[in-house]
Amino acid sequence: MPSAYSIPQEGFLLFASTSIRGMPGGIKLRRAIFRNYILEANSVEEQYVNSRHRRRPPQISRQLVLAPLMKKRAVPFWTHPAFVAEFCNPFVPSARGAPHQLFAIFCLALEGAIEKMSEDSLLKSDDVAACKRVLALFQAADPLMRKWQQLWTCSDTDQLPGLTAIYLRRLAQARGELQPGGRMLIPLGIRLQDKQQQLLVLVIERKATGSYRILVINSSELGLAYHAADAGQPPKVRYRTAMEFEDVPACRAEDEAFWMLLVVTSVQPCGSTSPLYDKLLPWLAGAPLEHILATATPSTPATSEWRSPQCAETDGWRSLTYTFRVLLMEVAGLAKSQAKLLKWQLRQQMLAMATSDLKEVLSLSVSERRLVQLGLSQLSLGAVKASGLTELEASQNKGDMERGRVTSMAVLSAAQASVAATEALLAQKPKPYGYEDPTVL
C-alpha cells in the first residue's frame, strides 16, 4: 500500500530540482543501500527515520541519574566521562571531565558499593566500617575539590590569582584542622607548555611525632616517568603509582611558600618538565628524587604495589581510583582480593546507574549501544578476576576456603544477573539506522 515511506514502482530520483541553479553538477553519491524489506510504517519510523535523519526529542533530565548533580545539563550516564573512563579506558583516546563532577560521581558510586557489599555479606562488619572511613576521607575533600575545579578549569588569567588565593586558604584551613593520625586528600595537576596535562592526588598524613607522611599518587606516564618502574613482565612496564615521603619535617610540610608554588605551578604551564618532580618534591624530602628512589623502602604493601598506568587520558578518574586502592589497603587494611572485590562492586553500581537511565531514554545511537556493551564486557571481566583472586587467597588460608568459594559464586552470579537485565533493556530499544553494519561506527 502507498505510504510516506514506500518506493513507487515507476522509480524515483535521488537528486532532482525544477531549477537548473539547484543542480550544479559534480555530485557524488557516497553510499546507497537497498534492502528488499516489507516493513510497517511504524517500523520504518523507529529503525530509520528517528535514528539519524530526525532530531531526537530531548531527554527527560529530571529522571536521569545525573540530574541532581548536573541539573539541566544532565546526560545519560553511559555518555559521561566517568563511565567512559572506567569501562572504556583501553578503547578511547581521552575521557576527561570536570574534576568535581568526576569526584562527586565517584563518591556516589562508592557509597552505593559499600552498602551493597554490606547487604550481601561480601565483607565482614569490621571491614565495612573501615571502608566507610575511607569514604569519609573522600567526602571530607569535597570542599577542596570544588575550589580546585574552579582553579583548574579557569581560562581567564586575570582571575587566576584570586582563585589561587581562595584555594590556598581552603587548603591551609583543612591542613590546620588535621589531627595526629589523620589524613587528607589534596587535588593537584601538571601542565606543560606542549599542552600536556594531568591530574593527580596528594595524600597527607600527620603523624603523632609532628612530622608528616606524604603520598604522591599518579596514574599517567607524564608523571610516572619519575616513579619507580619495573619491566619484569615484558612488554608491560609497571610503576609504583604511589611515591612515598616519610618523616617530612613540619617546617617544610607547613611552609606556605611551598604550597603557593606548588599550586601555581600546577595550573600554569611550566616548560617541558614538571616543577613538582624536578624542584618541589626534592625540596620537601631534602634530597634528590633519584636518591630517594634508590634508598627508600616502601613501608606498606599499598606503596610497594606495581601497577599499570592508564591507557588513555583518563587521569581525572584514574587518580581517584588509584588513591582509593591505596587507602583501602592502608586505612581499611583490606587484602588485595578484597580491594579488587570492592572495585568490582563500584563498577556494578555504575552499571546500575546506566541501567536506570536506560529505562528513561527513548533510543540509543550505534555508538551509545557500543559504550553500554563495553561496560557489560568489562563488568564480566572484572567479576572473573575478582572471584579468581578471592579463591586464590582463600586457598592459602584453609579456614576461609568455604567463604571464598561462596563469595566467588556470589560475584559471578551478580555479574550474570546485571548483564542479563541490561541486555534485556537494550533489546527493547529501537535499533538505529545501520545497526547491523559495523562500518557505521
Protein backbone atom coordinates (compact mmCIF):
# COMPACT_ATOMS: atom_id res chain seq x y z
CA MET A 1 0.00 0.00 0.00
CA PRO A 2 1.27 3.52 -0.76
CA SER A 3 2.65 5.36 2.26
CA ALA A 4 5.08 8.11 3.08
CA TYR A 5 7.89 5.54 3.27
CA SER A 6 7.12 3.33 0.23
CA ILE A 7 9.07 3.45 -3.04
CA PRO A 8 6.89 3.94 -6.16
CA GLN A 9 7.19 1.17 -8.74
CA GLU A 10 7.86 3.62 -11.56
CA GLY A 11 11.09 4.67 -9.82
CA PHE A 12 12.37 7.81 -8.12
CA LEU A 13 15.09 10.43 -8.47
CA LEU A 14 17.78 10.80 -5.84
CA PHE A 15 18.72 14.38 -6.80
CA ALA A 16 16.05 16.41 -8.57
CA SER A 17 15.23 20.09 -8.96
CA THR A 18 12.87 22.21 -11.02
CA SER A 19 15.63 24.81 -11.47
CA ILE A 20 18.99 24.42 -13.16
CA ARG A 21 20.52 26.50 -10.34
CA GLY A 22 19.63 23.73 -7.92
CA MET A 23 21.65 21.17 -9.87
CA PRO A 24 25.20 22.45 -10.19
CA GLY A 25 26.54 19.01 -11.01
CA GLY A 26 29.59 17.26 -9.60
CA ILE A 27 27.50 15.44 -7.02
CA LYS A 28 28.90 12.09 -5.93
CA LEU A 29 26.91 9.52 -4.03
CA ARG A 30 28.95 8.30 -1.10
CA ARG A 31 26.82 5.32 -0.19
CA ALA A 32 23.49 3.79 -1.15
CA ILE A 33 21.99 0.63 0.35
CA PHE A 34 18.85 -1.05 -0.91
CA ARG A 35 17.21 -3.77 1.14
CA ASN A 36 14.24 -5.77 -0.06
CA TYR A 37 12.20 -5.42 3.11
CA ILE A 38 8.47 -5.20 3.65
CA LEU A 39 8.10 -3.15 6.80
CA GLU A 40 5.23 -1.48 8.53
CA ALA A 41 5.26 2.31 8.57
CA ASN A 42 5.90 2.43 12.33
CA SER A 43 8.90 0.08 11.94
CA VAL A 44 10.45 2.38 9.35
CA GLU A 45 9.78 5.32 11.65
CA GLU A 46 11.58 3.64 14.58
CA GLN A 47 14.52 2.00 12.80
CA TYR A 48 15.48 4.58 10.18
CA VAL A 49 13.78 7.95 10.36
CA ASN A 50 14.12 8.59 14.10
CA SER A 51 17.73 7.40 14.33
CA ARG A 52 19.66 9.84 12.18
CA HIS A 53 17.55 11.96 9.92
CA ARG A 54 15.31 13.45 12.57
CA ARG A 55 16.29 15.26 15.72
CA ARG A 56 15.62 13.20 18.79
CA PRO A 57 13.24 14.50 21.41
CA PRO A 58 15.09 15.97 24.42
CA GLN A 59 15.87 13.67 27.31
CA ILE A 60 13.73 13.93 30.43
CA SER A 61 16.61 15.17 32.54
CA ARG A 62 14.63 15.17 35.80
CA GLN A 63 14.64 11.37 35.78
CA LEU A 64 18.28 10.80 34.83
CA VAL A 65 20.76 9.66 37.46
CA LEU A 66 22.98 12.71 36.99
CA ALA A 67 20.11 15.22 37.20
CA PRO A 68 20.78 16.16 40.88
CA LEU A 69 24.43 16.82 40.03
CA MET A 70 24.26 18.41 36.55
CA LYS A 71 20.73 19.92 36.65
CA LYS A 72 19.50 20.73 33.12
CA ARG A 73 22.78 19.61 31.57
CA ALA A 74 22.30 16.01 32.73
CA VAL A 75 23.21 13.39 30.13
CA PRO A 76 22.65 9.61 30.05
CA PHE A 77 25.20 8.09 32.37
CA TRP A 78 26.96 5.99 29.71
CA THR A 79 27.94 9.16 27.84
CA HIS A 80 29.55 10.83 30.88
CA PRO A 81 33.38 10.80 31.08
CA ALA A 82 33.21 8.90 34.40
CA PHE A 83 31.57 5.88 32.72
CA VAL A 84 33.84 6.08 29.68
CA ALA A 85 36.99 6.38 31.82
CA GLU A 86 36.04 3.40 34.00
CA PHE A 87 34.81 0.97 31.37
CA CYS A 88 36.42 2.12 28.10
CA ASN A 89 39.94 3.11 29.22
CA PRO A 90 41.73 0.81 26.70
CA PHE A 91 39.44 1.76 23.81
CA VAL A 92 39.24 5.57 23.79
CA PRO A 93 41.91 8.26 23.37
CA SER A 94 40.54 10.58 26.06
CA ALA A 95 37.76 10.85 28.64
CA ARG A 96 38.34 13.97 30.67
CA GLY A 97 35.60 15.77 32.55
CA ALA A 98 35.08 18.40 35.23
CA PRO A 99 37.15 17.27 38.26
CA HIS A 100 34.43 17.88 40.83
CA GLN A 101 31.79 16.09 38.74
CA LEU A 102 34.04 13.04 38.46
CA PHE A 103 34.72 13.24 42.19
CA ALA A 104 31.03 13.51 43.10
CA ILE A 105 30.11 10.55 40.87
CA PHE A 106 32.94 8.50 42.36
CA CYS A 107 31.76 9.18 45.93
CA LEU A 108 28.15 8.40 44.98
CA ALA A 109 29.08 5.08 43.38
CA LEU A 110 31.48 4.19 46.21
CA GLU A 111 28.82 4.81 48.86
CA GLY A 112 26.41 2.52 47.00
CA ALA A 113 29.10 -0.13 46.54
CA ILE A 114 29.91 -0.27 50.26
CA GLU A 115 26.22 -0.52 51.20
CA LYS A 116 25.71 -3.31 48.66
CA MET A 117 28.74 -5.23 49.94
CA SER A 118 27.32 -4.95 53.44
CA GLU A 119 23.84 -6.13 52.38
CA ASP A 120 25.23 -9.15 50.51
CA SER A 121 27.63 -10.01 53.38
CA LEU A 122 30.60 -9.97 51.00
CA LEU A 123 32.62 -8.10 53.63
CA LYS A 124 32.75 -8.53 57.38
CA SER A 125 31.23 -5.81 59.52
CA ASP A 126 34.66 -4.57 60.65
CA ASP A 127 35.81 -4.30 57.03
CA VAL A 128 32.64 -2.42 56.09
CA ALA A 129 33.28 0.09 58.89
CA ALA A 130 36.86 0.52 57.68
CA CYS A 131 35.65 1.11 54.09
CA LYS A 132 33.27 3.78 55.38
CA ARG A 133 36.25 5.55 56.96
CA VAL A 134 37.88 5.62 53.52
CA LEU A 135 34.66 7.02 52.04
CA ALA A 136 34.64 9.70 54.77
CA LEU A 137 38.15 10.75 53.70
CA PHE A 138 36.93 11.31 50.16
CA GLN A 139 33.79 13.13 51.25
CA ALA A 140 35.82 15.43 53.50
CA ALA A 141 37.80 16.52 50.42
CA ASP A 142 34.66 17.74 48.61
CA PRO A 143 35.00 21.47 49.50
CA LEU A 144 38.64 21.46 48.38
CA MET A 145 37.73 19.67 45.14
CA ARG A 146 35.10 22.32 44.37
CA LYS A 147 37.66 25.08 44.67
CA TRP A 148 40.17 23.07 42.66
CA GLN A 149 37.75 22.68 39.75
CA GLN A 150 37.26 26.45 39.58
CA LEU A 151 41.03 26.94 39.54
CA TRP A 152 41.91 24.11 37.14
CA THR A 153 39.28 24.99 34.52
CA CYS A 154 39.76 28.79 34.65
CA SER A 155 40.87 30.22 31.31
CA ASP A 156 40.92 33.87 32.38
CA THR A 157 44.42 34.73 33.58
CA ASP A 158 43.09 37.80 35.40
CA GLN A 159 41.01 35.58 37.70
CA LEU A 160 43.77 33.06 38.46
CA PRO A 161 45.41 34.99 41.35
CA GLY A 162 42.11 35.35 43.20
CA LEU A 163 41.11 31.73 42.67
CA THR A 164 44.58 30.59 43.72
CA ALA A 165 44.32 32.59 46.96
CA ILE A 166 40.90 31.08 47.71
CA TYR A 167 42.20 27.55 47.10
CA LEU A 168 45.27 28.13 49.29
CA ARG A 169 43.12 29.45 52.16
CA ARG A 170 40.86 26.40 51.96
CA LEU A 171 43.90 24.11 51.81
CA ALA A 172 45.57 25.79 54.82
CA GLN A 173 42.33 25.58 56.80
CA ALA A 174 41.91 21.85 56.10
CA ARG A 175 45.56 21.13 56.88
CA GLY A 176 45.36 23.11 60.13
CA GLU A 177 42.37 21.01 61.27
CA LEU A 178 44.26 17.76 60.67
CA GLN A 179 44.66 15.78 63.89
CA PRO A 180 47.59 13.44 64.66
CA GLY A 181 47.00 10.23 62.73
CA GLY A 182 44.58 11.99 60.37
CA ARG A 183 44.77 12.10 56.59
CA MET A 184 43.52 14.45 53.89
CA LEU A 185 43.37 14.39 50.09
CA ILE A 186 44.71 17.29 48.02
CA PRO A 187 43.93 17.51 44.28
CA LEU A 188 46.72 18.88 42.12
CA GLY A 189 47.83 18.78 38.49
CA ILE A 190 50.65 19.10 35.99
CA ARG A 191 50.58 21.37 32.93
CA LEU A 192 53.39 21.63 30.39
CA GLN A 193 53.89 24.06 27.53
CA ASP A 194 53.18 21.43 24.87
CA LYS A 195 49.57 21.27 26.14
CA GLN A 196 50.12 18.03 28.04
CA GLN A 197 48.30 17.94 31.34
CA GLN A 198 47.18 15.54 34.01
CA LEU A 199 45.53 15.45 37.41
CA LEU A 200 46.99 13.77 40.48
CA VAL A 201 46.29 13.44 44.20
CA LEU A 202 48.42 14.07 47.28
CA VAL A 203 47.61 12.23 50.50
CA ILE A 204 48.95 13.92 53.62
CA GLU A 205 49.12 12.08 56.95
CA ARG A 206 50.01 13.91 60.13
CA LYS A 207 51.98 11.72 62.49
CA ALA A 208 51.87 11.78 66.26
CA THR A 209 55.52 12.92 66.32
CA GLY A 210 54.56 16.14 64.49
CA SER A 211 56.14 15.16 61.18
CA TYR A 212 54.19 14.27 58.04
CA ARG A 213 53.95 11.37 55.64
CA ILE A 214 53.09 12.38 52.07
CA LEU A 215 52.00 10.19 49.15
CA VAL A 216 52.02 11.44 45.56
CA ILE A 217 49.56 9.25 43.64
CA ASN A 218 49.80 9.41 39.88
CA SER A 219 48.17 7.39 37.10
CA SER A 220 49.68 8.88 33.92
CA GLU A 221 53.07 8.23 32.33
CA LEU A 222 53.55 12.01 32.21
CA GLY A 223 54.31 11.88 35.94
CA LEU A 224 55.06 8.19 36.40
CA ALA A 225 58.32 8.69 34.48
CA TYR A 226 59.66 9.94 37.85
CA HIS A 227 58.32 6.93 39.83
CA ALA A 228 59.98 3.58 40.37
CA ALA A 229 59.38 1.26 37.39
CA ASP A 230 59.51 -2.49 36.81
CA ALA A 231 59.89 -4.20 33.43
CA GLY A 232 59.85 -7.75 34.77
CA GLN A 233 56.82 -8.70 32.68
CA PRO A 234 57.66 -7.50 29.15
CA PRO A 235 56.30 -5.81 27.14
CA LYS A 236 54.36 -4.33 30.06
CA VAL A 237 56.05 -1.68 32.21
CA ARG A 238 54.55 -1.23 35.66
CA TYR A 239 55.08 1.56 38.17
CA ARG A 240 54.77 2.29 41.85
CA THR A 241 51.95 4.75 41.35
CA ALA A 242 52.23 5.98 44.96
CA MET A 243 55.50 7.82 45.67
CA GLU A 244 56.11 7.89 49.43
CA PHE A 245 57.86 10.54 51.54
CA GLU A 246 58.30 9.53 55.18
CA ASP A 247 59.04 11.82 58.13
CA VAL A 248 58.75 15.13 56.31
CA PRO A 249 59.51 17.87 58.88
CA ALA A 250 56.58 20.09 59.81
CA CYS A 251 58.61 23.20 58.96
CA ARG A 252 58.63 22.06 55.32
CA ALA A 253 55.20 20.43 55.08
CA GLU A 254 53.51 23.51 56.58
CA ASP A 255 55.51 26.10 54.64
CA GLU A 256 53.02 28.44 52.96
CA ALA A 257 55.51 29.48 50.26
CA PHE A 258 55.93 25.83 49.27
CA TRP A 259 52.18 25.32 48.88
CA MET A 260 51.80 28.55 46.95
CA LEU A 261 54.50 27.50 44.47
CA LEU A 262 53.02 24.02 44.27
CA VAL A 263 49.53 25.27 43.39
CA VAL A 264 50.69 28.00 41.00
CA THR A 265 52.95 25.63 39.04
CA SER A 266 50.13 23.08 38.92
CA VAL A 267 47.76 25.32 36.96
CA GLN A 268 50.27 27.30 34.88
CA PRO A 269 52.22 25.68 32.01
CA CYS A 270 55.82 25.47 33.20
CA GLY A 271 58.29 24.48 30.50
CA SER A 272 58.82 20.96 29.23
CA THR A 273 59.33 19.28 32.62
CA SER A 274 57.32 19.28 35.83
CA PRO A 275 58.48 21.60 38.66
CA LEU A 276 56.60 19.29 41.02
CA TYR A 277 59.05 16.42 40.50
CA ASP A 278 62.13 18.41 39.49
CA LYS A 279 62.10 21.10 42.18
CA LEU A 280 59.37 20.98 44.80
CA LEU A 281 59.28 17.33 45.89
CA PRO A 282 63.10 17.12 46.23
CA TRP A 283 62.99 20.25 48.43
CA LEU A 284 60.22 18.70 50.51
CA ALA A 285 62.18 15.48 51.01
CA GLY A 286 65.54 17.20 51.45
CA ALA A 287 67.19 15.00 48.81
CA PRO A 288 67.07 14.37 45.04
CA LEU A 289 64.35 12.01 43.87
CA GLU A 290 66.97 9.64 42.41
CA HIS A 291 68.48 9.22 45.87
CA ILE A 292 65.05 8.61 47.43
CA LEU A 293 64.06 6.01 44.83
CA ALA A 294 67.39 4.21 45.25
CA THR A 295 67.47 4.12 49.05
CA ALA A 296 63.86 4.30 50.33
CA THR A 297 61.91 1.12 51.04
CA PRO A 298 58.09 1.20 50.76
CA SER A 299 56.59 0.99 54.23
CA THR A 300 53.26 -0.67 53.30
CA PRO A 301 52.01 -3.19 50.71
CA ALA A 302 49.97 -0.41 49.10
CA THR A 303 53.01 1.74 48.32
CA SER A 304 55.09 -1.24 47.17
CA GLU A 305 52.47 -2.48 44.69
CA TRP A 306 53.35 -2.36 40.99
CA ARG A 307 50.51 -1.13 38.79
CA SER A 308 49.96 -0.42 35.10
CA PRO A 309 49.49 3.21 34.02
CA GLN A 310 46.29 4.43 32.43
CA CYS A 311 45.87 3.66 28.73
CA ALA A 312 44.06 6.86 27.72
CA GLU A 313 43.78 10.41 29.03
CA THR A 314 41.57 9.43 31.95
CA ASP A 315 43.69 10.85 34.79
CA GLY A 316 40.77 12.78 36.31
CA TRP A 317 39.09 9.47 37.12
CA ARG A 318 42.10 7.14 37.43
CA SER A 319 43.81 9.34 40.02
CA LEU A 320 40.74 8.81 42.23
CA THR A 321 40.58 5.03 41.74
CA TYR A 322 44.33 4.64 42.36
CA THR A 323 44.04 6.71 45.54
CA PHE A 324 41.05 4.60 46.54
CA ARG A 325 43.09 1.41 46.14
CA VAL A 326 45.95 2.74 48.28
CA LEU A 327 43.64 3.93 51.07
CA LEU A 328 41.69 0.67 51.09
CA MET A 329 44.88 -1.26 51.80
CA GLU A 330 46.38 1.28 54.22
CA VAL A 331 43.43 2.73 56.15
CA ALA A 332 40.93 -0.12 55.89
CA GLY A 333 43.58 -2.84 55.96
CA LEU A 334 41.91 -4.85 53.20
CA ALA A 335 43.69 -7.60 51.34
CA LYS A 336 44.32 -7.27 47.62
CA SER A 337 41.40 -9.57 46.79
CA GLN A 338 39.01 -7.56 48.98
CA ALA A 339 40.13 -4.30 47.37
CA LYS A 340 39.56 -5.78 43.92
CA LEU A 341 36.17 -7.08 45.03
CA LEU A 342 35.10 -3.62 46.20
CA LYS A 343 36.38 -2.10 42.94
CA TRP A 344 34.22 -4.58 41.03
CA GLN A 345 31.23 -3.62 43.17
CA LEU A 346 31.94 0.02 42.30
CA ARG A 347 31.67 -0.93 38.63
CA GLN A 348 28.43 -2.76 39.25
CA GLN A 349 26.97 0.34 40.90
CA MET A 350 27.98 2.44 37.91
CA LEU A 351 26.38 -0.05 35.56
CA ALA A 352 23.22 0.05 37.69
CA MET A 353 23.18 3.84 37.24
CA ALA A 354 23.46 3.35 33.48
CA THR A 355 20.68 0.75 33.57
CA SER A 356 18.46 3.20 35.43
CA ASP A 357 18.96 5.76 32.64
CA LEU A 358 18.23 3.08 30.03
CA LYS A 359 14.68 2.94 31.34
CA GLU A 360 14.22 6.65 30.67
CA VAL A 361 15.73 7.25 27.23
CA LEU A 362 13.75 6.60 24.08
CA SER A 363 16.58 5.31 21.89
CA LEU A 364 20.35 4.90 21.64
CA SER A 365 22.73 5.54 18.77
CA VAL A 366 25.09 2.85 17.50
CA SER A 367 27.99 4.35 19.46
CA GLU A 368 25.93 4.59 22.66
CA ARG A 369 24.97 0.93 22.40
CA ARG A 370 28.61 0.07 21.98
CA LEU A 371 29.54 2.01 25.11
CA VAL A 372 26.96 0.12 27.17
CA GLN A 373 28.11 -3.21 25.73
CA LEU A 374 31.72 -2.38 26.59
CA GLY A 375 30.56 -1.69 30.14
CA LEU A 376 28.94 -5.13 30.29
CA SER A 377 32.09 -6.79 28.99
CA GLN A 378 34.33 -5.00 31.49
CA LEU A 379 31.97 -5.82 34.36
CA SER A 380 32.08 -9.50 33.45
CA LEU A 381 35.86 -9.45 33.13
CA GLY A 382 36.20 -7.73 36.50
CA ALA A 383 33.93 -10.33 38.11
CA VAL A 384 36.09 -13.18 36.80
CA LYS A 385 39.28 -11.50 38.06
CA ALA A 386 37.82 -10.66 41.48
CA SER A 387 36.36 -14.14 42.01
CA GLY A 388 39.57 -15.84 40.88
CA LEU A 389 41.75 -13.78 43.21
CA THR A 390 39.29 -14.34 46.08
CA GLU A 391 39.51 -18.12 45.65
CA LEU A 392 43.30 -17.98 45.33
CA GLU A 393 43.76 -16.07 48.59
CA ALA A 394 41.15 -18.26 50.32
CA SER A 395 43.06 -21.41 49.27
CA GLN A 396 46.12 -20.09 51.10
CA ASN A 397 44.06 -19.85 54.30
CA LYS A 398 42.22 -23.10 54.92
CA GLY A 399 39.80 -21.52 57.36
CA ASP A 400 38.46 -19.18 54.66
CA MET A 401 38.17 -21.65 51.79
CA GLU A 402 34.42 -22.15 52.07
CA ARG A 403 33.74 -18.42 52.48
CA GLY A 404 35.98 -17.73 49.49
CA ARG A 405 34.01 -20.12 47.27
CA VAL A 406 30.69 -18.66 48.37
CA THR A 407 31.91 -15.12 47.73
CA SER A 408 33.29 -16.10 44.33
CA MET A 409 29.99 -17.66 43.22
CA ALA A 410 28.01 -14.69 44.55
CA VAL A 411 30.11 -12.28 42.48
CA LEU A 412 29.76 -14.30 39.29
CA SER A 413 26.01 -14.72 39.79
CA ALA A 414 25.52 -11.00 40.46
CA ALA A 415 27.51 -10.10 37.35
CA GLN A 416 25.47 -12.51 35.22
CA ALA A 417 22.18 -11.09 36.54
CA SER A 418 23.29 -7.48 35.93
CA VAL A 419 24.41 -8.23 32.37
CA ALA A 420 21.20 -10.09 31.58
CA ALA A 421 19.00 -7.27 32.92
CA THR A 422 20.87 -4.60 30.97
CA GLU A 423 20.88 -6.61 27.74
CA ALA A 424 17.12 -7.12 28.07
CA LEU A 425 16.63 -3.36 28.31
CA LEU A 426 18.88 -2.80 25.30
CA ALA A 427 16.86 -5.27 23.26
CA GLN A 428 13.68 -3.29 23.93
CA LYS A 429 15.08 -0.08 22.44
CA PRO A 430 14.58 0.54 18.70
CA LYS A 431 17.69 -0.25 16.72
CA PRO A 432 19.15 2.77 14.90
CA TYR A 433 19.87 3.02 11.19
CA GLY A 434 22.86 0.91 10.20
CA TYR A 435 22.88 -1.01 13.49
CA GLU A 436 23.71 -4.28 11.72
CA ASP A 437 26.53 -2.61 9.76
CA PRO A 438 29.71 -2.21 11.89
CA THR A 439 31.23 0.28 9.44
CA VAL A 440 28.76 2.90 10.68
CA LEU A 441 30.94 3.25 13.78
